Structures are given as C-alpha cells and as structure tokens.
Amino acid sequence: MPIVHVTTNLSRRLGTEIAKGITVLVSDMTKKSAEGVIVTHKHEYEMYYAGSDAPLAFVRFTSLGMTSADTEGYSQGFASFFKQNLDIDESRVIVEFHAPDPTHLGISGTTLAELRKRNE
C-alpha cells in the first residue's frame, strides 16, 4: 500500500489525471498494484527552498519493503514526473522516504502484518 503525500507551492490542484499518473508511476516503480496506491496533495503552501519560492514539490513517500537500494530510482522517477507534468525543476523536487514495518501500518481495523498472516 504505497502512500504519496505531495505538498506544492503551486496555485492549482494536481487534478485527477496527474493523481492517476502518480498512481501509475508508483505502481510501476514498486511493482505493486495501483489499486493500493494512495495519493494526497496540498497546494498553495508558502514554501521556500534555498531561499527561493520558485515552484517546489515536497513528496513524502511511504512503501512497505522499500530499501535504500530503491530510493535513488524512486527519487529520479518523482523528479522526472513532476518536471514533465507540472514543470517543476528536478532540483526542486524533494522526496522523503518511509519504509514502515508492516505492524506499523493499519487498514480494515488491523495491521498489514496481521492481514499478511491471514493470507498465508
């Protein structure tokens, strides 16, 4: 269940098509079903990077099983996507990665660790 939280200083919302694009990107990068990808977006935030308020995206990306070997490729994927789709310079796409233990992510009143046990 990958989760992507996007915060930008852009004046417009991502919109359904961009959110779908992020879903496909994440599904392709992680090799996980698009059905489990969550995308959120906060826009019009006052944001600065290196003292500049030029277009900026801060991405919090959570995915079970992610390793440090994955993060550079994921960072490149997000940077390229935001450049192509929102014209945000790749140097201004900042990604924070989280790989929680399955016991620390809940759904349907239980945890993913428990759901995995039930499906074994």
N, C-alpha and C. Protein backbone atom coordinates (compact mmCIF):
# COMPACT_ATOMS: atom_id res chain seq x y z
N MET A 1 0.83 -1.17 0.00
CA MET A 1 0.00 0.00 0.00
C MET A 1 0.88 1.25 0.00
N PRO A 2 1.45 1.62 -1.12
CA PRO A 2 2.25 2.84 -1.19
C PRO A 2 1.38 4.08 -0.96
N ILE A 3 1.95 5.04 -0.23
CA ILE A 3 1.26 6.30 0.05
C ILE A 3 2.16 7.44 -0.39
N VAL A 4 1.59 8.37 -1.16
CA VAL A 4 2.33 9.52 -1.66
C VAL A 4 1.62 10.79 -1.20
N HIS A 5 2.30 11.56 -0.35
CA HIS A 5 1.79 12.86 0.08
C HIS A 5 2.61 13.92 -0.67
N VAL A 6 1.94 14.74 -1.45
CA VAL A 6 2.60 15.78 -2.23
C VAL A 6 2.18 17.14 -1.70
N THR A 7 3.15 17.98 -1.38
CA THR A 7 2.90 19.35 -0.99
C THR A 7 3.61 20.25 -1.99
N THR A 8 2.88 21.23 -2.53
CA THR A 8 3.49 22.14 -3.51
C THR A 8 3.14 23.58 -3.16
N ASN A 9 3.89 24.48 -3.76
CA ASN A 9 3.55 25.89 -3.66
C ASN A 9 2.83 26.35 -4.93
N LEU A 10 2.37 25.41 -5.72
CA LEU A 10 1.63 25.73 -6.93
C LEU A 10 0.23 26.22 -6.56
N SER A 11 -0.34 27.07 -7.39
CA SER A 11 -1.65 27.64 -7.10
C SER A 11 -2.79 26.70 -7.53
N ARG A 12 -2.45 25.64 -8.24
CA ARG A 12 -3.51 24.76 -8.71
C ARG A 12 -3.41 23.37 -8.08
N ARG A 13 -4.53 22.70 -8.08
CA ARG A 13 -4.58 21.32 -7.60
C ARG A 13 -3.91 20.41 -8.63
N LEU A 14 -3.54 19.23 -8.19
CA LEU A 14 -2.97 18.26 -9.13
C LEU A 14 -4.00 17.83 -10.16
N GLY A 15 -5.21 17.59 -9.73
CA GLY A 15 -6.24 17.10 -10.62
C GLY A 15 -6.17 15.59 -10.77
N THR A 16 -7.27 15.03 -11.23
CA THR A 16 -7.41 13.58 -11.33
C THR A 16 -6.38 12.96 -12.26
N GLU A 17 -6.11 13.58 -13.39
CA GLU A 17 -5.17 12.98 -14.35
C GLU A 17 -3.76 12.90 -13.79
N ILE A 18 -3.30 13.96 -13.11
CA ILE A 18 -1.96 13.93 -12.51
C ILE A 18 -1.93 12.90 -11.38
N ALA A 19 -2.98 12.86 -10.56
CA ALA A 19 -3.04 11.87 -9.47
C ALA A 19 -3.01 10.45 -10.04
N LYS A 20 -3.72 10.23 -11.13
CA LYS A 20 -3.67 8.91 -11.78
C LYS A 20 -2.27 8.63 -12.30
N GLY A 21 -1.62 9.64 -12.84
CA GLY A 21 -0.25 9.47 -13.34
C GLY A 21 0.71 9.10 -12.23
N ILE A 22 0.56 9.75 -11.06
CA ILE A 22 1.40 9.41 -9.91
C ILE A 22 1.12 7.97 -9.47
N THR A 23 -0.14 7.58 -9.50
CA THR A 23 -0.51 6.21 -9.13
C THR A 23 0.17 5.21 -10.05
N VAL A 24 0.13 5.44 -11.35
CA VAL A 24 0.77 4.54 -12.31
C VAL A 24 2.28 4.53 -12.10
N LEU A 25 2.87 5.71 -11.90
CA LEU A 25 4.31 5.82 -11.66
C LEU A 25 4.72 4.97 -10.45
N VAL A 26 4.00 5.14 -9.35
CA VAL A 26 4.33 4.41 -8.12
C VAL A 26 4.13 2.91 -8.31
N SER A 27 3.05 2.53 -8.96
CA SER A 27 2.80 1.12 -9.23
C SER A 27 3.93 0.52 -10.06
N ASP A 28 4.35 1.24 -11.09
CA ASP A 28 5.45 0.77 -11.94
C ASP A 28 6.77 0.68 -11.17
N MET A 29 7.06 1.71 -10.36
CA MET A 29 8.34 1.73 -9.64
C MET A 29 8.41 0.64 -8.58
N THR A 30 7.30 0.43 -7.87
CA THR A 30 7.31 -0.51 -6.74
C THR A 30 6.89 -1.92 -7.13
N LYS A 31 6.35 -2.07 -8.34
CA LYS A 31 5.81 -3.36 -8.79
C LYS A 31 4.67 -3.82 -7.90
N LYS A 32 3.90 -2.84 -7.38
CA LYS A 32 2.72 -3.13 -6.55
C LYS A 32 1.48 -2.66 -7.30
N SER A 33 0.36 -3.24 -6.96
CA SER A 33 -0.90 -2.92 -7.63
C SER A 33 -1.28 -1.46 -7.46
N ALA A 34 -1.74 -0.84 -8.55
CA ALA A 34 -2.21 0.54 -8.50
C ALA A 34 -3.44 0.66 -7.59
N GLU A 35 -4.16 -0.43 -7.39
CA GLU A 35 -5.37 -0.40 -6.55
C GLU A 35 -5.06 -0.03 -5.10
N GLY A 36 -3.83 -0.22 -4.65
CA GLY A 36 -3.48 0.09 -3.27
C GLY A 36 -2.75 1.39 -3.08
N VAL A 37 -2.54 2.17 -4.14
CA VAL A 37 -1.77 3.42 -4.05
C VAL A 37 -2.68 4.56 -3.58
N ILE A 38 -2.22 5.29 -2.57
CA ILE A 38 -2.93 6.46 -2.06
C ILE A 38 -2.12 7.70 -2.44
N VAL A 39 -2.79 8.72 -3.00
CA VAL A 39 -2.15 9.98 -3.36
C VAL A 39 -2.90 11.12 -2.69
N THR A 40 -2.18 11.97 -1.96
CA THR A 40 -2.77 13.18 -1.40
C THR A 40 -2.00 14.38 -1.93
N HIS A 41 -2.65 15.55 -1.94
CA HIS A 41 -1.99 16.76 -2.43
C HIS A 41 -2.45 17.97 -1.63
N LYS A 42 -1.49 18.73 -1.17
CA LYS A 42 -1.75 20.03 -0.55
C LYS A 42 -1.10 21.06 -1.47
N HIS A 43 -1.86 22.06 -1.88
CA HIS A 43 -1.31 23.07 -2.78
C HIS A 43 -1.45 24.46 -2.17
N GLU A 44 -0.80 25.41 -2.82
CA GLU A 44 -0.76 26.81 -2.40
C GLU A 44 -0.11 27.00 -1.03
N TYR A 45 0.83 26.14 -0.70
CA TYR A 45 1.57 26.31 0.55
C TYR A 45 2.69 27.33 0.32
N GLU A 46 2.96 28.10 1.34
CA GLU A 46 4.11 29.00 1.29
C GLU A 46 5.33 28.13 1.55
N MET A 47 6.15 27.94 0.52
CA MET A 47 7.29 27.03 0.60
C MET A 47 8.52 27.69 -0.01
N TYR A 48 9.65 27.47 0.63
CA TYR A 48 10.91 28.02 0.14
C TYR A 48 11.96 26.92 0.18
N TYR A 49 12.81 26.92 -0.81
CA TYR A 49 13.96 26.02 -0.83
C TYR A 49 15.13 26.84 -1.32
N ALA A 50 16.22 26.83 -0.57
CA ALA A 50 17.40 27.63 -0.88
C ALA A 50 17.03 29.11 -1.00
N GLY A 51 16.05 29.53 -0.19
CA GLY A 51 15.65 30.93 -0.16
C GLY A 51 14.75 31.37 -1.31
N SER A 52 14.36 30.43 -2.16
CA SER A 52 13.56 30.77 -3.34
C SER A 52 12.15 30.18 -3.21
N ASP A 53 11.17 30.95 -3.71
CA ASP A 53 9.80 30.44 -3.75
C ASP A 53 9.41 29.95 -5.14
N ALA A 54 10.40 29.62 -5.96
CA ALA A 54 10.14 29.03 -7.28
C ALA A 54 9.36 27.73 -7.09
N PRO A 55 8.67 27.26 -8.12
CA PRO A 55 7.88 26.02 -7.98
C PRO A 55 8.68 24.92 -7.28
N LEU A 56 8.00 24.30 -6.31
CA LEU A 56 8.65 23.33 -5.43
C LEU A 56 7.65 22.23 -5.08
N ALA A 57 8.13 21.00 -5.01
CA ALA A 57 7.32 19.88 -4.55
C ALA A 57 8.07 19.14 -3.46
N PHE A 58 7.37 18.89 -2.36
CA PHE A 58 7.89 18.05 -1.29
C PHE A 58 7.03 16.80 -1.24
N VAL A 59 7.66 15.65 -1.41
CA VAL A 59 6.95 14.37 -1.51
C VAL A 59 7.34 13.51 -0.32
N ARG A 60 6.34 13.04 0.42
CA ARG A 60 6.57 12.03 1.46
C ARG A 60 6.07 10.73 0.89
N PHE A 61 6.99 9.78 0.72
CA PHE A 61 6.66 8.52 0.07
C PHE A 61 6.84 7.37 1.05
N THR A 62 5.76 6.66 1.29
CA THR A 62 5.75 5.53 2.22
C THR A 62 5.45 4.27 1.44
N SER A 63 6.29 3.24 1.64
CA SER A 63 6.06 1.97 0.96
C SER A 63 6.70 0.85 1.76
N LEU A 64 5.92 -0.18 2.03
CA LEU A 64 6.45 -1.34 2.73
C LEU A 64 7.50 -2.03 1.88
N GLY A 65 8.55 -2.49 2.52
CA GLY A 65 9.57 -3.26 1.83
C GLY A 65 10.57 -2.45 1.03
N MET A 66 10.45 -1.13 1.05
CA MET A 66 11.39 -0.28 0.33
C MET A 66 12.76 -0.36 1.01
N THR A 67 13.81 -0.40 0.21
CA THR A 67 15.17 -0.44 0.74
C THR A 67 15.95 0.77 0.24
N SER A 68 17.10 0.99 0.82
CA SER A 68 17.95 2.10 0.38
C SER A 68 18.38 1.92 -1.07
N ALA A 69 18.40 0.70 -1.55
CA ALA A 69 18.76 0.45 -2.95
C ALA A 69 17.67 0.97 -3.90
N ASP A 70 16.45 1.13 -3.40
CA ASP A 70 15.33 1.60 -4.22
C ASP A 70 15.23 3.12 -4.33
N THR A 71 15.70 3.82 -3.31
CA THR A 71 15.34 5.23 -3.17
C THR A 71 15.88 6.15 -4.27
N GLU A 72 17.07 5.91 -4.76
CA GLU A 72 17.58 6.79 -5.81
C GLU A 72 16.71 6.70 -7.07
N GLY A 73 16.35 5.51 -7.46
CA GLY A 73 15.49 5.34 -8.63
C GLY A 73 14.12 5.96 -8.42
N TYR A 74 13.57 5.82 -7.21
CA TYR A 74 12.29 6.43 -6.90
C TYR A 74 12.40 7.96 -6.96
N SER A 75 13.48 8.49 -6.41
CA SER A 75 13.69 9.93 -6.44
C SER A 75 13.76 10.43 -7.89
N GLN A 76 14.48 9.70 -8.73
CA GLN A 76 14.56 10.06 -10.16
C GLN A 76 13.19 9.99 -10.81
N GLY A 77 12.41 8.98 -10.48
CA GLY A 77 11.07 8.84 -11.05
C GLY A 77 10.17 10.00 -10.70
N PHE A 78 10.15 10.38 -9.41
CA PHE A 78 9.32 11.51 -9.00
C PHE A 78 9.80 12.82 -9.63
N ALA A 79 11.12 13.04 -9.63
CA ALA A 79 11.66 14.28 -10.20
C ALA A 79 11.30 14.42 -11.67
N SER A 80 11.46 13.36 -12.40
CA SER A 80 11.13 13.37 -13.83
C SER A 80 9.64 13.60 -14.04
N PHE A 81 8.81 12.93 -13.27
CA PHE A 81 7.36 13.07 -13.40
C PHE A 81 6.92 14.51 -13.15
N PHE A 82 7.41 15.11 -12.06
CA PHE A 82 6.99 16.47 -11.73
C PHE A 82 7.54 17.49 -12.72
N LYS A 83 8.69 17.23 -13.28
CA LYS A 83 9.22 18.11 -14.33
C LYS A 83 8.32 18.04 -15.57
N GLN A 84 8.02 16.84 -16.01
CA GLN A 84 7.23 16.66 -17.23
C GLN A 84 5.79 17.12 -17.09
N ASN A 85 5.19 16.91 -15.93
CA ASN A 85 3.76 17.15 -15.77
C ASN A 85 3.39 18.47 -15.10
N LEU A 86 4.30 19.01 -14.28
CA LEU A 86 3.99 20.25 -13.56
C LEU A 86 5.05 21.32 -13.76
N ASP A 87 6.04 21.03 -14.59
CA ASP A 87 7.12 21.98 -14.88
C ASP A 87 7.85 22.45 -13.63
N ILE A 88 8.04 21.53 -12.69
CA ILE A 88 8.85 21.82 -11.50
C ILE A 88 10.25 21.28 -11.78
N ASP A 89 11.24 22.15 -11.67
CA ASP A 89 12.62 21.74 -11.93
C ASP A 89 12.98 20.54 -11.06
N GLU A 90 13.67 19.58 -11.64
CA GLU A 90 14.02 18.35 -10.91
C GLU A 90 14.80 18.63 -9.63
N SER A 91 15.57 19.72 -9.61
CA SER A 91 16.34 20.05 -8.41
C SER A 91 15.45 20.60 -7.29
N ARG A 92 14.17 20.81 -7.59
CA ARG A 92 13.23 21.35 -6.61
C ARG A 92 12.12 20.36 -6.28
N VAL A 93 12.40 19.09 -6.51
CA VAL A 93 11.51 18.00 -6.10
C VAL A 93 12.24 17.25 -4.99
N ILE A 94 11.77 17.44 -3.77
CA ILE A 94 12.41 16.86 -2.59
C ILE A 94 11.55 15.68 -2.13
N VAL A 95 12.20 14.53 -1.93
CA VAL A 95 11.46 13.31 -1.55
C VAL A 95 11.98 12.80 -0.21
N GLU A 96 11.03 12.55 0.68
CA GLU A 96 11.35 11.93 1.98
C GLU A 96 10.77 10.52 1.96
N PHE A 97 11.59 9.53 2.26
CA PHE A 97 11.18 8.13 2.16
C PHE A 97 10.89 7.53 3.53
N HIS A 98 9.85 6.70 3.58
CA HIS A 98 9.50 5.97 4.80
C HIS A 98 9.20 4.53 4.41
N ALA A 99 9.77 3.60 5.15
CA ALA A 99 9.51 2.17 4.94
C ALA A 99 9.12 1.55 6.28
N PRO A 100 7.85 1.73 6.67
CA PRO A 100 7.44 1.24 7.98
C PRO A 100 7.39 -0.29 8.05
N ASP A 101 7.51 -0.79 9.24
CA ASP A 101 7.29 -2.20 9.48
C ASP A 101 5.81 -2.47 9.25
N PRO A 102 5.43 -3.62 8.71
CA PRO A 102 4.01 -3.92 8.48
C PRO A 102 3.15 -3.87 9.73
N THR A 103 3.76 -3.96 10.91
CA THR A 103 3.00 -3.83 12.15
C THR A 103 2.65 -2.38 12.45
N HIS A 104 3.25 -1.44 11.70
CA HIS A 104 3.03 -0.02 11.94
C HIS A 104 2.19 0.64 10.86
N LEU A 105 1.47 -0.14 10.10
CA LEU A 105 0.56 0.39 9.08
C LEU A 105 -0.74 -0.38 9.18
N GLY A 106 -1.82 0.34 9.47
CA GLY A 106 -3.10 -0.32 9.70
C GLY A 106 -4.10 -0.07 8.59
N ILE A 107 -4.99 -1.03 8.41
CA ILE A 107 -6.10 -0.94 7.47
C ILE A 107 -7.16 -1.94 7.90
N SER A 108 -8.40 -1.62 7.66
CA SER A 108 -9.53 -2.52 7.97
C SER A 108 -9.55 -2.95 9.43
N GLY A 109 -9.13 -2.08 10.33
CA GLY A 109 -9.17 -2.38 11.75
C GLY A 109 -8.10 -3.32 12.24
N THR A 110 -7.08 -3.54 11.43
CA THR A 110 -5.97 -4.40 11.84
C THR A 110 -4.69 -3.84 11.22
N THR A 111 -3.63 -4.60 11.24
CA THR A 111 -2.38 -4.15 10.62
C THR A 111 -2.10 -4.98 9.37
N LEU A 112 -1.22 -4.46 8.55
CA LEU A 112 -0.85 -5.22 7.36
C LEU A 112 -0.12 -6.50 7.72
N ALA A 113 0.60 -6.50 8.83
CA ALA A 113 1.27 -7.72 9.28
C ALA A 113 0.24 -8.81 9.56
N GLU A 114 -0.85 -8.45 10.24
CA GLU A 114 -1.90 -9.43 10.55
C GLU A 114 -2.61 -9.89 9.27
N LEU A 115 -2.88 -8.97 8.36
CA LEU A 115 -3.52 -9.36 7.10
C LEU A 115 -2.64 -10.33 6.31
N ARG A 116 -1.35 -10.09 6.34
CA ARG A 116 -0.43 -11.00 5.62
C ARG A 116 -0.47 -12.39 6.24
N LYS A 117 -0.54 -12.46 7.56
CA LYS A 117 -0.62 -13.76 8.23
C LYS A 117 -1.86 -14.52 7.81
N ARG A 118 -2.97 -13.80 7.71
CA ARG A 118 -4.24 -14.43 7.33
C ARG A 118 -4.23 -14.94 5.89
N ASN A 119 -3.42 -14.31 5.05
CA ASN A 119 -3.37 -14.68 3.63
C ASN A 119 -2.31 -15.71 3.31
N GLU A 120 -1.58 -16.17 4.33
CA GLU A 120 -0.52 -17.17 4.08
C GLU A 120 -1.10 -18.54 3.92
